[in-house]
Structures are given as structure tokens and as C-alpha cells.
């Protein structure tokens, strides 16, 4: 026998969309489009900032000798250099992403079952 919630499990769908797929999908599933846009837009902005920083740091550290690129350990050294040089930036981006993700999950849960289909 299957255990179903009185709302047919619709309360879990937005929560799982925000938690497992992408922040903002849960509020979108509950019909809160502006909040969904705020969460998704904020996450995308932080991810773009992260990507831009890594791109710029990588470009600045590219070796002059093309033969050095053939060293299999070079990408790992590069990643470690970039991480060490940008520790606080990566920390704050991570904190921001986690807070937005948690906020999106909480918003999806507190909004209740989907009102708009």
C-alpha cells in the first residue's frame, strides 16, 4: 500500500526541484515567478562571476612555452595556484550559492502545494 500525503505529494515536487535540479525551480512550480527569477538570476550571476574569475586567472597563468602544456600535472598545478590566489573569493561565492540554494528550498517548502498549473 502506497503512503500518499493529502495533497498527493505535490508539496514535495517544488522542494525537490529546488534541491536537486536548480534553485528557483521550486518557487516557479508553486507559481511564484518573481521569486523564482530572483533565485535563478542570482545563482546564474554568481556562477558567471566564478567562471569569469577562473578564465581570467587561467589566461594570466598560461605558460610561454607550449611544451609545458604537455605536462600531465600542469592542470593540477594551475588549479592549485588559482585556488590559493583566490581563496576568499571562492569562499564567498560558495557561501552565496549555498545560501541561495537553501533559500530556494525553504521558499518552495513554505509556499505549500502548487497553486498554478
Protein backbone atom coordinates (compact mmCIF):
# COMPACT_ATOMS: atom_id res chain seq x y z
CA UNK A 1 0.00 0.00 0.00
CA UNK A 2 1.39 3.36 -1.02
CA UNK A 3 1.55 6.16 1.52
CA UNK A 4 0.32 9.39 -0.08
CA UNK A 5 0.08 12.80 1.51
CA UNK A 6 -3.33 14.54 1.46
CA UNK A 7 -2.09 16.86 -1.30
CA UNK A 8 -0.99 13.91 -3.45
CA UNK A 9 2.72 14.57 -2.95
CA UNK A 10 2.56 17.95 -4.68
CA UNK A 11 4.26 19.61 -1.72
CA UNK A 12 7.44 17.63 -2.34
CA UNK A 13 7.75 18.36 -6.06
CA UNK A 14 8.77 22.06 -5.69
CA UNK A 15 11.13 21.21 -2.84
CA UNK A 16 12.88 18.51 -4.88
CA UNK A 17 13.07 20.74 -7.95
CA UNK A 18 14.88 23.42 -5.94
CA UNK A 19 17.04 20.98 -4.02
CA UNK A 20 18.10 18.58 -6.76
CA UNK A 21 17.72 20.39 -10.08
CA UNK A 22 18.24 24.16 -9.81
CA UNK A 23 17.41 26.93 -7.32
CA UNK A 24 14.32 28.81 -8.41
CA UNK A 25 12.53 25.88 -10.00
CA UNK A 26 10.64 25.16 -6.77
CA UNK A 27 9.20 28.68 -6.47
CA UNK A 28 8.42 28.55 -10.20
CA UNK A 29 6.48 25.30 -9.68
CA UNK A 30 4.45 26.97 -6.91
CA UNK A 31 3.58 29.89 -9.16
CA UNK A 32 5.92 32.47 -7.61
CA UNK A 33 7.60 33.62 -10.80
CA UNK A 34 9.34 36.74 -9.46
CA UNK A 35 10.92 34.85 -6.58
CA UNK A 36 11.94 32.08 -8.96
CA UNK A 37 13.55 34.66 -11.25
CA UNK A 38 15.34 36.26 -8.29
CA UNK A 39 16.79 32.96 -7.08
CA UNK A 40 17.74 31.64 -10.51
CA UNK A 41 19.12 35.00 -11.66
CA UNK A 42 21.22 35.40 -8.53
CA UNK A 43 22.66 31.91 -8.84
CA UNK A 44 23.43 32.43 -12.53
CA UNK A 45 25.14 35.75 -11.74
CA UNK A 46 27.37 34.13 -9.11
CA UNK A 47 28.21 31.26 -11.45
CA UNK A 48 29.11 33.72 -14.22
CA UNK A 49 31.34 35.68 -11.82
CA UNK A 50 33.04 32.44 -10.81
CA UNK A 51 33.55 31.40 -14.43
CA UNK A 52 34.92 34.80 -15.38
CA UNK A 53 37.40 34.80 -12.48
CA UNK A 54 38.69 31.32 -13.33
CA UNK A 55 39.00 32.28 -17.03
CA UNK A 56 40.98 35.46 -16.25
CA UNK A 57 43.24 33.69 -13.75
CA UNK A 58 43.89 30.86 -16.20
CA UNK A 59 44.73 33.26 -19.03
CA UNK A 60 47.16 35.12 -16.77
CA UNK A 61 48.96 31.89 -15.84
CA UNK A 62 49.28 30.25 -19.25
CA UNK A 63 52.90 29.25 -19.85
CA UNK A 64 55.01 30.86 -22.58
CA UNK A 65 56.46 27.51 -23.59
CA UNK A 66 53.83 25.39 -25.41
CA UNK A 67 55.72 22.23 -24.43
CA UNK A 68 54.84 22.85 -20.80
CA UNK A 69 51.18 22.29 -21.68
CA UNK A 70 52.02 18.65 -22.44
CA UNK A 71 52.92 18.00 -18.80
CA UNK A 72 50.02 15.93 -17.39
CA UNK A 73 50.45 17.52 -13.94
CA UNK A 74 50.24 21.11 -15.25
CA UNK A 75 46.41 21.47 -14.98
CA UNK A 76 46.56 20.36 -11.34
CA UNK A 77 49.31 22.84 -10.51
CA UNK A 78 47.36 25.56 -12.31
CA UNK A 79 44.18 24.76 -10.38
CA UNK A 80 46.10 24.81 -7.09
CA UNK A 81 47.71 28.18 -7.90
CA UNK A 82 44.36 29.69 -8.81
CA UNK A 83 42.72 28.28 -5.67
CA UNK A 84 45.46 29.64 -3.40
CA UNK A 85 45.39 33.08 -5.04
CA UNK A 86 41.58 33.38 -4.80
CA UNK A 87 40.65 31.57 -1.59
CA UNK A 88 38.45 34.31 -0.14
CA UNK A 89 36.68 34.89 -3.47
CA UNK A 90 35.87 31.18 -3.78
CA UNK A 91 34.72 31.07 -0.14
CA UNK A 92 32.25 33.93 -0.58
CA UNK A 93 30.94 32.62 -3.89
CA UNK A 94 30.37 29.23 -2.23
CA UNK A 95 28.62 30.79 0.77
CA UNK A 96 26.41 32.85 -1.55
CA UNK A 97 25.48 29.84 -3.66
CA UNK A 98 24.67 27.74 -0.59
CA UNK A 99 22.52 30.49 0.93
CA UNK A 100 20.61 30.98 -2.31
CA UNK A 101 20.12 27.23 -2.70
CA UNK A 102 18.87 26.89 0.89
CA UNK A 103 16.61 29.93 0.46
CA UNK A 104 15.10 28.49 -2.69
CA UNK A 105 14.43 25.18 -0.95
CA UNK A 106 12.86 26.94 2.05
CA UNK A 107 10.73 29.12 -0.22
CA UNK A 108 9.49 26.07 -2.12
CA UNK A 109 8.64 24.27 1.11
CA UNK A 110 6.93 27.20 2.82
CA UNK A 111 4.90 28.11 -0.26
CA UNK A 112 2.94 24.88 0.05
CA UNK A 113 1.45 22.89 -2.80
CA UNK A 114 1.41 24.32 -6.29
CA UNK A 115 -1.47 26.71 -6.83
CA UNK A 116 -0.86 27.36 -10.51
CA UNK A 117 -0.55 24.54 -13.00
